Amino acid sequence: MASVSTPFPISLHPRIQIQSNTIRSTPLKFRVFKIKASGSETPQTVTPQTGPKDLPIRSLPGNYGLPILGPLNDRLDYFYNQGAEEFFKSRIRKYNSTVFKVNMPPGGFIAENPQVVALLDGKSFPILFDVDKVEKKDLFTGTYMPSTDLTGGYRILSYLDPSEPNHAKLKSLIFFLLKSSRNRIFPEFQATYSKLFDSLEKELSLNGKADIGGPSDSAAFEFLAKAFYGVNPADTKLKSDAPSLITKWVLFNLHPVLSLGLPKLIEDPLLHNFRLPASLIKSDYQRLYEFFLENSGDILVEADKLGISREEAAHNLLFATCFNTWGGMKILFPNLVKRVGRAGHQVHIRLAEEIRSVIKSNGGELTMGAIEKMELTKSVVFECLRFEPPVPAQYGRAKKDLVIESHDASFKVKAGQMLYGYQPLATRDPKIFDRADEFVPERFVGEEGKRLLRHVVWSNGPETEKPTVGNKQCAGKDFVVLVARLFVIEIFRRYDSFDIGVGKSALGSSVNFTSLRKASF
């Protein structure tokens, strides 16, 4: 489950052990594995790239402009005049610096103070993970926090700083959720996504294209409900309504920092100045809440043991499953199809050969051990998370006076100042990554590739680190990476290659399959 601080994102936590009990399935056989979760409270250690020790101290460039007008101008540039990426790149060129002062949306009557210090390179960005130096309280979505009326009146785990007593309890509960689902992940994923691709093939044959968005959203919730809670949502009062209910609820949480593609004169006053009333979706949210309260069984028993009320636990399970995990999959899976689709047929053939040969040499079984042997498959997933992280924004408030280093200079930041990082620029830093603005499928293969993984930070922490109750790294980091690999595996055990069409979406990309060439070897 990503942190969309973001967001994006939960993960299989942390140490995975394999044992040899086998579940048989057609056409693949799945080996059950055990997961042990660490509850260590040791804060995460972040090791940024080393560089010159005596960088010059430089005054923070940039300015916030006049009250009201400055934040408004920056917001219009960010959403409409330039777009997020050019918004930051143009200011990097203007100030000759990857660290500078700027206003971040939404401002207006939603966020009282839009002023941040932007960190836009791979060296300054990691300070946002250091909970000894930055506070994460109420900063999950940025310079504003959505009303707790959208989460049952509770401040959810994503909005808690590790220093708050409830943080360790609630994160431990999410670790328990992940651990308790370990035996269901492989078989439920294969069953759900095999059905998804069967339906996409039918749509493609009828219409000449197949939109992955809606069907993938439905498949994601069905898989999560079955894997985490052992229940098919179709057999509950939710039926097939969950994706539409969640999408509407996410919009009410994130509308201040989204663009839906409407005309500027309509969209900006509607979405970016005032909060949409939570009362408009109260009944929708209640349906989701009742699903989690009624189907969380042993997880709520564990909440009792941890000293968490069942009501608070159910609201947190809803958020972790629907916002963090489902929301992350909603963005990540179409992005994977887009990036791998654009990588070309030769990359497709290499992936298909690797995946099928490893499964064959493993006796037809797909296990964690087999997946670890799929070097190109793993690299493709990490490259997608580097190139287009599901949650682009990270925030933190300086706990004390700090000196922050970019590659070229040092900057003094005062206690209480808001720090902001736009992750796609940090993870496409040309001083860290060769061909940084290219999608390189094999980037993380081999020893050099492994060394670079510490700069893949989509999970609110380095890929080489583990989430603990003492940090803010996504609890479901390893789970997200695993299901992304399973998704790529499901594609290339079925197809030699595919073609796509790509459009824009408020969350992630809109992707259509325009051809699916079935496995020929």
Protein backbone atom coordinates (compact mmCIF):
# COMPACT_ATOMS: atom_id res chain seq x y z
CA MET A 1 0.00 0.00 0.00
CA ALA A 2 1.73 2.96 -0.98
CA SER A 3 2.28 6.00 0.95
CA VAL A 4 -0.41 8.40 -2.59
CA SER A 5 3.25 9.98 1.26
CA THR A 6 1.70 9.63 -0.89
CA PRO A 7 -0.08 7.58 -1.52
CA PHE A 8 0.37 4.60 -3.05
CA PRO A 9 0.61 2.21 -1.01
CA ILE A 10 0.27 -2.04 1.55
CA SER A 11 3.29 -4.62 1.43
CA LEU A 12 4.05 -8.30 2.30
CA HIS A 13 6.01 -7.60 5.33
CA PRO A 14 9.16 -8.23 5.52
CA ARG A 15 10.85 -11.59 5.85
CA ILE A 16 9.53 -14.32 3.59
CA GLN A 17 10.22 -17.99 4.21
CA ILE A 18 9.18 -20.80 1.87
CA GLN A 19 8.04 -24.27 2.85
CA SER A 20 7.06 -27.17 0.67
CA ASN A 21 3.30 -27.61 1.16
CA THR A 22 1.72 -27.45 -2.30
CA ILE A 23 -1.67 -26.29 -3.53
CA ARG A 24 -2.51 -27.67 -6.97
CA SER A 25 -4.18 -25.43 -9.51
CA THR A 26 -4.75 -25.50 -13.23
CA PRO A 27 -2.79 -24.69 -15.31
CA LEU A 28 -0.12 -23.87 -12.70
CA LYS A 29 0.62 -25.33 -9.28
CA PHE A 30 1.14 -22.98 -6.36
CA ARG A 31 3.31 -23.52 -3.36
CA VAL A 32 2.13 -22.11 -0.05
CA PHE A 33 4.64 -19.85 1.70
CA LYS A 34 4.88 -18.39 5.19
CA ILE A 35 5.55 -14.77 5.95
CA LYS A 36 7.00 -13.50 9.19
CA ALA A 37 6.43 -9.84 10.02
CA SER A 38 8.91 -7.86 12.03
CA GLY A 39 7.50 -5.44 14.56
CA SER A 40 10.84 -3.82 15.20
CA GLU A 41 10.60 -0.20 16.26
CA THR A 42 14.12 0.56 15.08
CA PRO A 43 13.85 3.66 12.87
CA GLN A 44 14.73 3.17 9.24
CA THR A 45 18.26 4.13 8.27
CA VAL A 46 18.47 6.09 5.05
CA THR A 47 21.80 6.28 3.27
CA PRO A 48 21.67 8.89 0.52
CA GLN A 49 24.25 8.98 -2.22
CA THR A 50 27.56 10.24 -0.96
CA GLY A 51 29.05 13.42 -2.39
CA PRO A 52 31.27 16.37 -1.52
CA LYS A 53 31.39 16.97 2.24
CA ASP A 54 31.86 20.75 2.11
CA LEU A 55 29.14 21.98 -0.22
CA PRO A 56 28.60 25.74 -0.27
CA ILE A 57 25.74 27.06 1.85
CA ARG A 58 23.29 28.78 -0.49
CA SER A 59 20.25 30.88 0.35
CA LEU A 60 17.02 29.14 -0.59
CA PRO A 61 16.06 30.43 -4.05
CA GLY A 62 12.49 31.05 -5.12
CA ASN A 63 9.69 33.04 -3.55
CA TYR A 64 6.08 32.59 -2.51
CA GLY A 65 4.76 35.75 -4.15
CA LEU A 66 2.01 37.98 -2.83
CA PRO A 67 -0.60 36.54 -0.44
CA ILE A 68 -3.50 34.94 -2.32
CA LEU A 69 -2.07 35.81 -5.75
CA GLY A 70 1.20 33.88 -5.37
CA PRO A 71 -0.43 30.58 -4.36
CA LEU A 72 -3.15 31.04 -7.00
CA ASN A 73 -0.64 31.64 -9.81
CA ASP A 74 1.42 28.61 -8.77
CA ARG A 75 -1.72 26.46 -8.61
CA LEU A 76 -2.83 27.47 -12.09
CA ASP A 77 0.65 26.77 -13.44
CA TYR A 78 0.74 23.38 -11.71
CA PHE A 79 -2.62 22.13 -12.95
CA TYR A 80 -3.26 23.96 -16.22
CA ASN A 81 -0.60 26.27 -17.66
CA GLN A 82 2.39 23.93 -17.35
CA GLY A 83 1.45 20.63 -15.73
CA ALA A 84 3.23 19.14 -12.72
CA GLU A 85 6.50 18.07 -14.34
CA GLU A 86 7.13 21.23 -16.34
CA PHE A 87 6.04 23.29 -13.31
CA PHE A 88 9.06 21.97 -11.42
CA LYS A 89 11.50 21.71 -14.33
CA SER A 90 10.93 25.33 -15.35
CA ARG A 91 11.75 26.50 -11.83
CA ILE A 92 14.84 24.28 -11.66
CA ARG A 93 16.06 26.08 -14.79
CA LYS A 94 15.05 29.49 -13.47
CA TYR A 95 16.79 29.12 -10.09
CA ASN A 96 19.60 26.81 -11.26
CA SER A 97 18.73 24.65 -8.26
CA THR A 98 16.80 21.48 -7.46
CA VAL A 99 15.91 22.92 -4.03
CA PHE A 100 13.76 26.04 -3.85
CA LYS A 101 10.73 27.74 -2.31
CA VAL A 102 7.34 27.37 -3.98
CA ASN A 103 3.61 27.14 -3.24
CA MET A 104 1.92 23.77 -3.56
CA PRO A 105 -1.80 23.23 -4.30
CA PRO A 106 -4.45 23.51 -3.16
CA GLY A 107 -4.12 26.67 -1.05
CA GLY A 108 -7.35 28.64 -1.14
CA PHE A 109 -9.74 27.89 1.71
CA ILE A 110 -8.59 24.24 1.94
CA ALA A 111 -4.93 24.58 2.97
CA GLU A 112 -4.08 27.55 5.17
CA ASN A 113 -0.37 27.54 4.33
CA PRO A 114 0.72 26.34 0.85
CA GLN A 115 4.40 27.31 1.29
CA VAL A 116 6.95 24.48 0.92
CA VAL A 117 10.62 23.89 0.24
CA ALA A 118 10.75 21.62 -2.82
CA LEU A 119 13.36 18.81 -2.92
CA LEU A 120 13.72 17.61 -6.51
CA ASP A 121 16.85 15.45 -6.73
CA GLY A 122 17.85 12.03 -5.47
CA LYS A 123 20.22 13.39 -2.85
CA SER A 124 17.96 15.85 -1.01
CA PHE A 125 14.75 13.79 -1.34
CA PRO A 126 15.60 11.00 1.20
CA ILE A 127 15.48 13.39 4.16
CA LEU A 128 11.70 13.03 3.86
CA PHE A 129 12.04 9.45 5.18
CA ASP A 130 14.08 10.37 8.27
CA VAL A 131 11.52 10.51 11.09
CA ASP A 132 14.16 11.89 13.46
CA LYS A 133 14.34 15.02 11.30
CA VAL A 134 10.85 15.38 9.84
CA GLU A 135 7.36 14.99 11.25
CA LYS A 136 4.69 13.17 9.24
CA LYS A 137 1.61 14.13 11.28
CA ASP A 138 -1.43 14.85 9.07
CA LEU A 139 0.74 15.19 5.93
CA PHE A 140 -0.27 12.10 3.95
CA THR A 141 -2.08 14.11 1.27
CA GLY A 142 0.08 17.22 1.52
CA THR A 143 -0.53 20.74 2.80
CA TYR A 144 -4.12 19.86 3.72
CA MET A 145 -5.74 16.93 5.53
CA PRO A 146 -9.14 15.60 4.41
CA SER A 147 -11.94 15.77 6.97
CA THR A 148 -12.07 12.83 9.38
CA ASP A 149 -15.76 12.67 8.46
CA LEU A 150 -14.46 10.73 5.44
CA THR A 151 -12.87 8.10 7.72
CA GLY A 152 -15.46 7.52 10.40
CA GLY A 153 -14.18 10.33 12.62
CA TYR A 154 -10.73 8.75 13.04
CA ARG A 155 -7.26 9.93 12.09
CA ILE A 156 -6.15 6.93 10.06
CA LEU A 157 -2.69 5.31 10.27
CA SER A 158 -1.46 7.12 7.15
CA TYR A 159 -1.91 10.47 8.93
CA LEU A 160 -0.12 9.47 12.16
CA ASP A 161 3.49 10.28 12.95
CA PRO A 162 5.52 7.33 14.35
CA SER A 163 5.88 9.27 17.61
CA GLU A 164 2.14 8.94 18.25
CA PRO A 165 1.19 5.92 20.43
CA ASN A 166 -1.50 4.61 18.06
CA HIS A 167 0.92 4.41 15.12
CA ALA A 168 2.69 1.26 16.31
CA LYS A 169 -0.59 -0.48 17.19
CA LEU A 170 -2.26 0.23 13.86
CA LYS A 171 0.79 -0.61 11.75
CA SER A 172 1.15 -3.87 13.68
CA LEU A 173 -2.46 -4.65 12.76
CA ILE A 174 -1.68 -4.14 9.05
CA PHE A 175 1.33 -6.44 9.38
CA PHE A 176 -0.98 -9.04 10.91
CA LEU A 177 -3.43 -8.64 8.01
CA LEU A 178 -0.63 -9.29 5.52
CA LYS A 179 0.76 -12.26 7.43
CA SER A 180 -2.66 -13.87 7.84
CA SER A 181 -3.27 -13.72 4.07
CA ARG A 182 -0.03 -15.42 3.03
CA ASN A 183 -1.55 -18.76 1.98
CA ARG A 184 -4.23 -17.20 -0.24
CA ILE A 185 -2.23 -14.71 -2.31
CA PHE A 186 -0.88 -16.95 -5.08
CA PRO A 187 -3.98 -19.03 -5.81
CA GLU A 188 -6.42 -16.13 -5.52
CA PHE A 189 -4.32 -13.91 -7.76
CA GLN A 190 -4.00 -16.54 -10.47
CA ALA A 191 -7.72 -17.37 -10.36
CA THR A 192 -8.86 -13.73 -10.41
CA TYR A 193 -6.49 -12.44 -13.07
CA SER A 194 -6.87 -15.47 -15.30
CA LYS A 195 -10.59 -14.63 -15.36
CA LEU A 196 -9.74 -10.97 -16.05
CA PHE A 197 -7.67 -11.79 -19.12
CA ASP A 198 -10.33 -14.18 -20.41
CA SER A 199 -12.81 -11.29 -20.30
CA LEU A 200 -10.36 -8.87 -21.95
CA GLU A 201 -9.81 -11.34 -24.79
CA LYS A 202 -13.56 -11.49 -25.40
CA GLU A 203 -13.90 -7.70 -25.39
CA LEU A 204 -10.96 -7.38 -27.77
CA SER A 205 -12.49 -9.87 -30.22
CA LEU A 206 -15.81 -7.99 -30.18
CA ASN A 207 -14.61 -4.37 -30.21
CA GLY A 208 -11.07 -4.40 -31.55
CA LYS A 209 -9.77 -3.05 -28.25
CA ALA A 210 -10.13 -3.81 -24.55
CA ASP A 211 -9.98 -1.15 -21.84
CA ILE A 212 -8.01 -2.48 -18.87
CA GLY A 213 -9.22 0.19 -16.41
CA GLY A 214 -12.67 -0.84 -15.19
CA PRO A 215 -12.12 -4.63 -15.41
CA SER A 216 -8.76 -4.31 -13.64
CA ASP A 217 -10.31 -2.24 -10.83
CA SER A 218 -12.98 -4.90 -10.28
CA ALA A 219 -10.41 -7.70 -10.37
CA ALA A 220 -8.18 -5.87 -7.88
CA PHE A 221 -10.93 -5.53 -5.27
CA GLU A 222 -12.11 -9.11 -5.77
CA PHE A 223 -8.54 -10.37 -5.33
CA LEU A 224 -7.91 -8.24 -2.21
CA ALA A 225 -11.20 -9.28 -0.61
CA LYS A 226 -10.48 -12.96 -1.21
CA ALA A 227 -6.79 -12.81 -0.27
CA PHE A 228 -7.07 -10.57 2.81
CA TYR A 229 -10.51 -11.47 4.15
CA GLY A 230 -11.37 -14.82 2.56
CA VAL A 231 -14.63 -13.55 1.08
CA ASN A 232 -15.96 -12.97 -2.43
CA PRO A 233 -17.52 -9.48 -2.50
CA ALA A 234 -20.10 -10.73 -5.00
CA ASP A 235 -21.54 -12.88 -2.19
CA THR A 236 -21.93 -9.89 0.15
CA LYS A 237 -24.16 -6.81 0.24
CA LEU A 238 -21.48 -4.94 -1.70
CA LYS A 239 -21.99 -7.11 -4.81
CA SER A 240 -19.89 -5.54 -7.60
CA ASP A 241 -20.27 -1.95 -6.38
CA ALA A 242 -16.99 -1.57 -4.47
CA PRO A 243 -14.84 -0.03 -7.25
CA SER A 244 -17.35 2.74 -8.00
CA LEU A 245 -17.89 3.45 -4.29
CA ILE A 246 -14.15 3.61 -3.62
CA THR A 247 -13.47 5.82 -6.64
CA LYS A 248 -16.04 8.35 -5.48
CA TRP A 249 -14.69 8.27 -1.91
CA VAL A 250 -11.08 8.70 -3.10
CA LEU A 251 -12.19 11.70 -5.17
CA PHE A 252 -13.63 13.35 -2.05
CA ASN A 253 -10.30 12.77 -0.26
CA LEU A 254 -8.00 13.90 -3.08
CA HIS A 255 -9.97 16.42 -5.16
CA PRO A 256 -7.85 19.37 -3.91
CA VAL A 257 -4.77 17.89 -5.63
CA LEU A 258 -6.41 16.32 -8.71
CA SER A 259 -7.30 17.52 -12.17
CA LEU A 260 -10.17 15.71 -13.88
CA GLY A 261 -9.54 17.31 -17.26
CA LEU A 262 -12.48 19.70 -17.03
CA PRO A 263 -12.18 23.29 -18.34
CA LYS A 264 -10.05 25.39 -16.00
CA LEU A 265 -12.78 27.95 -15.27
CA ILE A 266 -15.10 25.17 -14.09
CA GLU A 267 -12.70 22.74 -12.45
CA ASP A 268 -10.46 25.06 -10.44
CA PRO A 269 -13.24 26.82 -8.47
CA LEU A 270 -15.09 23.52 -8.02
CA LEU A 271 -12.25 21.28 -6.83
CA HIS A 272 -9.45 23.47 -5.49
CA ASN A 273 -11.01 26.13 -3.29
CA PHE A 274 -13.50 24.40 -1.01
CA ARG A 275 -13.91 20.92 0.43
CA LEU A 276 -16.61 18.75 -1.10
CA PRO A 277 -19.09 17.89 1.70
CA ALA A 278 -18.44 14.45 3.19
CA SER A 279 -22.18 14.10 3.77
CA LEU A 280 -22.67 13.54 0.03
CA ILE A 281 -20.97 10.13 0.21
CA LYS A 282 -21.82 9.13 3.78
CA SER A 283 -24.09 6.26 2.74
CA ASP A 284 -21.54 4.97 0.19
CA TYR A 285 -18.79 4.97 2.78
CA GLN A 286 -21.07 3.22 5.27
CA ARG A 287 -21.54 0.33 2.82
CA LEU A 288 -17.78 -0.10 2.53
CA TYR A 289 -17.31 0.17 6.30
CA GLU A 290 -19.93 -2.52 7.01
CA PHE A 291 -18.18 -4.88 4.58
CA PHE A 292 -14.92 -4.61 6.54
CA LEU A 293 -16.60 -4.74 9.94
CA GLU A 294 -18.53 -7.89 9.00
CA ASN A 295 -15.74 -9.76 7.20
CA SER A 296 -12.56 -9.01 9.17
CA GLY A 297 -13.03 -11.79 11.76
CA ASP A 298 -9.65 -12.82 13.15
CA ILE A 299 -8.14 -9.44 12.26
CA LEU A 300 -10.58 -7.69 14.61
CA VAL A 301 -9.72 -10.24 17.30
CA GLU A 302 -6.08 -9.21 16.86
CA ALA A 303 -7.17 -5.56 17.12
CA ASP A 304 -8.72 -6.36 20.52
CA LYS A 305 -5.37 -7.81 21.64
CA LEU A 306 -3.54 -4.69 20.46
CA GLY A 307 -5.92 -2.39 22.33
CA ILE A 308 -7.65 -1.01 19.23
CA SER A 309 -11.43 -0.74 19.16
CA ARG A 310 -13.11 -2.83 16.45
CA GLU A 311 -14.66 0.30 14.99
CA GLU A 312 -11.31 2.08 14.61
CA ALA A 313 -9.72 -1.11 13.28
CA ALA A 314 -12.41 -1.52 10.61
CA HIS A 315 -11.97 2.07 9.40
CA ASN A 316 -8.20 1.53 9.17
CA LEU A 317 -8.61 -1.79 7.34
CA LEU A 318 -10.93 -0.05 4.88
CA PHE A 319 -8.39 2.70 4.26
CA ALA A 320 -5.42 0.34 3.97
CA THR A 321 -7.26 -1.96 1.57
CA CYS A 322 -9.22 0.56 -0.53
CA PHE A 323 -7.12 3.73 -0.54
CA ASN A 324 -3.59 2.43 -0.14
CA THR A 325 -3.64 -1.01 -1.79
CA TRP A 326 -6.52 -0.93 -4.26
CA GLY A 327 -5.66 2.67 -5.15
CA GLY A 328 -2.05 1.67 -5.71
CA MET A 329 -3.00 -1.26 -7.95
CA LYS A 330 -5.42 0.98 -9.87
CA ILE A 331 -2.48 3.18 -10.86
CA LEU A 332 0.36 0.65 -11.01
CA PHE A 333 -1.16 -2.13 -13.14
CA PRO A 334 -2.15 0.09 -16.12
CA ASN A 335 1.25 1.80 -15.82
CA LEU A 336 2.94 -1.61 -16.06
CA VAL A 337 0.95 -2.45 -19.19
CA LYS A 338 1.81 0.95 -20.68
CA ARG A 339 5.53 0.84 -19.94
CA VAL A 340 6.04 -2.81 -20.89
CA GLY A 341 3.83 -2.35 -23.95
CA ARG A 342 5.96 0.55 -25.15
CA ALA A 343 9.18 -1.38 -24.46
CA GLY A 344 8.50 -3.42 -27.63
CA HIS A 345 8.14 -6.98 -28.84
CA GLN A 346 11.78 -7.99 -28.24
CA VAL A 347 11.41 -7.20 -24.54
CA HIS A 348 8.12 -9.11 -24.52
CA ILE A 349 9.78 -12.20 -25.96
CA ARG A 350 12.60 -12.02 -23.39
CA LEU A 351 10.06 -11.78 -20.55
CA ALA A 352 7.98 -14.64 -21.92
CA GLU A 353 11.05 -16.86 -22.31
CA GLU A 354 12.29 -16.09 -18.79
CA ILE A 355 8.92 -16.61 -17.09
CA ARG A 356 8.02 -19.82 -18.89
CA SER A 357 11.47 -21.38 -18.61
CA VAL A 358 11.72 -20.70 -14.87
CA ILE A 359 8.26 -22.17 -14.21
CA LYS A 360 9.07 -25.21 -16.36
CA SER A 361 12.40 -25.82 -14.60
CA ASN A 362 10.55 -25.53 -11.28
CA GLY A 363 8.33 -28.47 -12.14
CA GLY A 364 5.48 -26.28 -13.34
CA GLU A 365 5.16 -24.62 -9.93
CA LEU A 366 5.11 -20.88 -9.34
CA THR A 367 6.76 -20.20 -5.98
CA MET A 368 8.56 -17.32 -4.33
CA GLY A 369 11.83 -19.09 -5.08
CA ALA A 370 10.92 -19.29 -8.76
CA ILE A 371 9.90 -15.64 -8.90
CA GLU A 372 13.25 -14.61 -7.39
CA LYS A 373 14.99 -16.29 -10.35
CA MET A 374 13.10 -14.08 -12.84
CA GLU A 375 15.68 -11.30 -12.98
CA LEU A 376 14.25 -9.37 -15.93
CA THR A 377 10.71 -9.61 -14.56
CA LYS A 378 11.83 -8.18 -11.22
CA SER A 379 13.80 -5.44 -12.96
CA VAL A 380 10.83 -4.40 -15.11
CA VAL A 381 8.65 -3.95 -12.02
CA PHE A 382 11.29 -1.90 -10.19
CA GLU A 383 11.90 0.21 -13.32
CA CYS A 384 8.20 0.98 -13.58
CA LEU A 385 8.14 1.99 -9.90
CA ARG A 386 11.21 4.18 -10.50
CA PHE A 387 10.06 5.75 -13.73
CA GLU A 388 6.43 6.40 -12.80
CA PRO A 389 5.92 5.99 -9.03
CA PRO A 390 2.24 5.54 -8.13
CA VAL A 391 2.45 8.26 -5.48
CA PRO A 392 4.46 11.18 -6.81
CA ALA A 393 4.34 13.47 -3.74
CA GLN A 394 6.00 13.18 -0.34
CA TYR A 395 5.76 15.68 2.53
CA GLY A 396 7.41 16.23 5.89
CA ARG A 397 7.69 19.08 8.38
CA ALA A 398 11.16 19.91 9.72
CA LYS A 399 11.37 18.97 13.41
CA LYS A 400 14.41 21.18 13.92
CA ASP A 401 16.72 23.51 12.01
CA LEU A 402 18.27 21.44 9.23
CA VAL A 403 20.93 21.66 6.55
CA ILE A 404 19.74 19.87 3.41
CA GLU A 405 22.18 18.92 0.65
CA SER A 406 21.52 18.68 -3.05
CA HIS A 407 24.28 17.50 -5.39
CA ASP A 408 25.59 21.03 -5.74
CA ALA A 409 24.84 23.02 -2.60
CA SER A 410 23.58 23.03 0.99
CA PHE A 411 20.50 24.88 2.22
CA LYS A 412 19.39 25.88 5.70
CA VAL A 413 15.79 25.06 6.59
CA LYS A 414 14.07 26.32 9.73
CA ALA A 415 12.17 24.13 12.19
CA GLY A 416 8.51 24.00 11.22
CA GLN A 417 9.04 24.53 7.49
CA MET A 418 7.18 22.15 5.18
CA LEU A 419 9.35 20.02 2.90
CA TYR A 420 7.97 18.62 -0.34
CA GLY A 421 9.40 16.11 -2.78
CA TYR A 422 8.19 15.40 -6.32
CA GLN A 423 9.33 11.81 -6.60
CA PRO A 424 9.46 11.32 -10.40
CA LEU A 425 12.25 13.91 -10.63
CA ALA A 426 14.13 12.41 -7.68
CA THR A 427 13.98 8.91 -9.16
CA ARG A 428 14.92 10.16 -12.63
CA ASP A 429 17.95 12.06 -11.34
CA PRO A 430 20.59 11.91 -14.11
CA LYS A 431 23.38 12.18 -11.53
CA ILE A 432 22.24 8.82 -10.12
CA PHE A 433 20.72 6.96 -13.07
CA ASP A 434 22.22 6.56 -16.53
CA ARG A 435 19.61 7.28 -19.26
CA ALA A 436 17.44 8.51 -16.41
CA ASP A 437 14.54 9.63 -18.62
CA GLU A 438 14.35 6.30 -20.47
CA PHE A 439 12.47 3.18 -19.40
CA VAL A 440 15.27 0.60 -19.30
CA PRO A 441 13.78 -2.87 -18.62
CA GLU A 442 17.06 -4.49 -17.52
CA ARG A 443 18.23 -1.55 -15.35
CA PHE A 444 18.10 -3.50 -12.07
CA VAL A 445 19.58 -6.78 -13.31
CA GLY A 446 22.93 -7.85 -11.80
CA GLU A 447 25.04 -6.43 -8.99
CA GLU A 448 25.04 -2.87 -10.29
CA GLY A 449 21.27 -3.06 -10.60
CA LYS A 450 20.96 -4.22 -7.00
CA ARG A 451 23.11 -1.31 -5.87
CA LEU A 452 20.73 1.15 -7.55
CA LEU A 453 17.68 -0.22 -5.71
CA ARG A 454 18.32 2.05 -2.74
CA HIS A 455 17.29 4.94 -5.01
CA VAL A 456 13.90 3.35 -5.80
CA VAL A 457 11.75 5.02 -3.14
CA TRP A 458 8.11 4.69 -4.24
CA SER A 459 7.17 3.19 -0.84
CA ASN A 460 8.17 6.25 1.22
CA GLY A 461 11.57 4.69 1.78
CA PRO A 462 14.36 2.92 -0.12
CA GLU A 463 13.58 -0.42 -1.77
CA THR A 464 16.52 -1.87 0.21
CA GLU A 465 14.86 -1.02 3.55
CA LYS A 466 11.96 -2.65 5.39
CA PRO A 467 8.82 -1.11 6.86
CA THR A 468 8.66 -1.17 10.66
CA VAL A 469 6.33 0.29 13.28
CA GLY A 470 8.97 2.99 13.83
CA ASN A 471 9.00 4.42 10.30
CA LYS A 472 6.54 5.63 7.67
CA GLN A 473 7.51 3.22 4.92
CA CYS A 474 4.52 1.57 3.28
CA ALA A 475 3.50 -1.45 5.35
CA GLY A 476 2.61 -3.34 2.17
CA LYS A 477 5.81 -2.57 0.22
CA ASP A 478 6.72 -6.20 -0.45
CA PHE A 479 3.10 -7.13 -1.15
CA VAL A 480 2.82 -4.49 -3.88
CA VAL A 481 6.08 -5.61 -5.50
CA LEU A 482 4.92 -9.25 -5.35
CA VAL A 483 1.53 -8.67 -6.96
CA ALA A 484 3.11 -6.47 -9.64
CA ARG A 485 5.45 -9.37 -10.51
CA LEU A 486 2.52 -11.79 -10.50
CA PHE A 487 0.68 -9.47 -12.90
CA VAL A 488 3.60 -9.44 -15.36
CA ILE A 489 3.93 -13.22 -15.01
CA GLU A 490 0.21 -13.71 -15.72
CA ILE A 491 0.53 -11.66 -18.92
CA PHE A 492 3.54 -13.48 -20.33
CA ARG A 493 2.59 -17.00 -19.42
CA ARG A 494 -0.49 -16.36 -21.63
CA TYR A 495 0.84 -14.08 -24.39
CA ASP A 496 3.97 -13.72 -26.51
CA SER A 497 3.34 -10.02 -27.05
CA PHE A 498 0.68 -7.32 -27.08
CA ASP A 499 -0.06 -3.85 -28.42
CA ILE A 500 -1.70 -0.95 -26.59
CA GLY A 501 -3.32 2.45 -26.89
CA VAL A 502 -2.81 5.01 -24.12
CA GLY A 503 -4.85 7.99 -22.94
CA LYS A 504 -4.98 10.26 -19.88
CA SER A 505 -6.70 9.61 -16.57
CA ALA A 506 -7.08 11.56 -13.31
CA LEU A 507 -5.33 8.67 -11.53
CA GLY A 508 -2.62 6.99 -13.59
CA SER A 509 -3.15 6.14 -17.26
CA SER A 510 -6.04 4.99 -19.42
CA VAL A 511 -4.80 1.92 -21.32
CA ASN A 512 -6.41 -0.28 -23.98
CA PHE A 513 -5.13 -3.56 -25.35
CA THR A 514 -5.34 -3.43 -29.14
CA SER A 515 -3.86 -6.91 -29.68
CA LEU A 516 -3.00 -9.94 -27.54
CA ARG A 517 -0.87 -12.60 -29.23
CA LYS A 518 -1.33 -15.91 -27.43
CA ALA A 519 1.63 -17.99 -26.28
CA SER A 520 3.21 -19.94 -29.16
CA PHE A 521 5.98 -21.74 -27.29
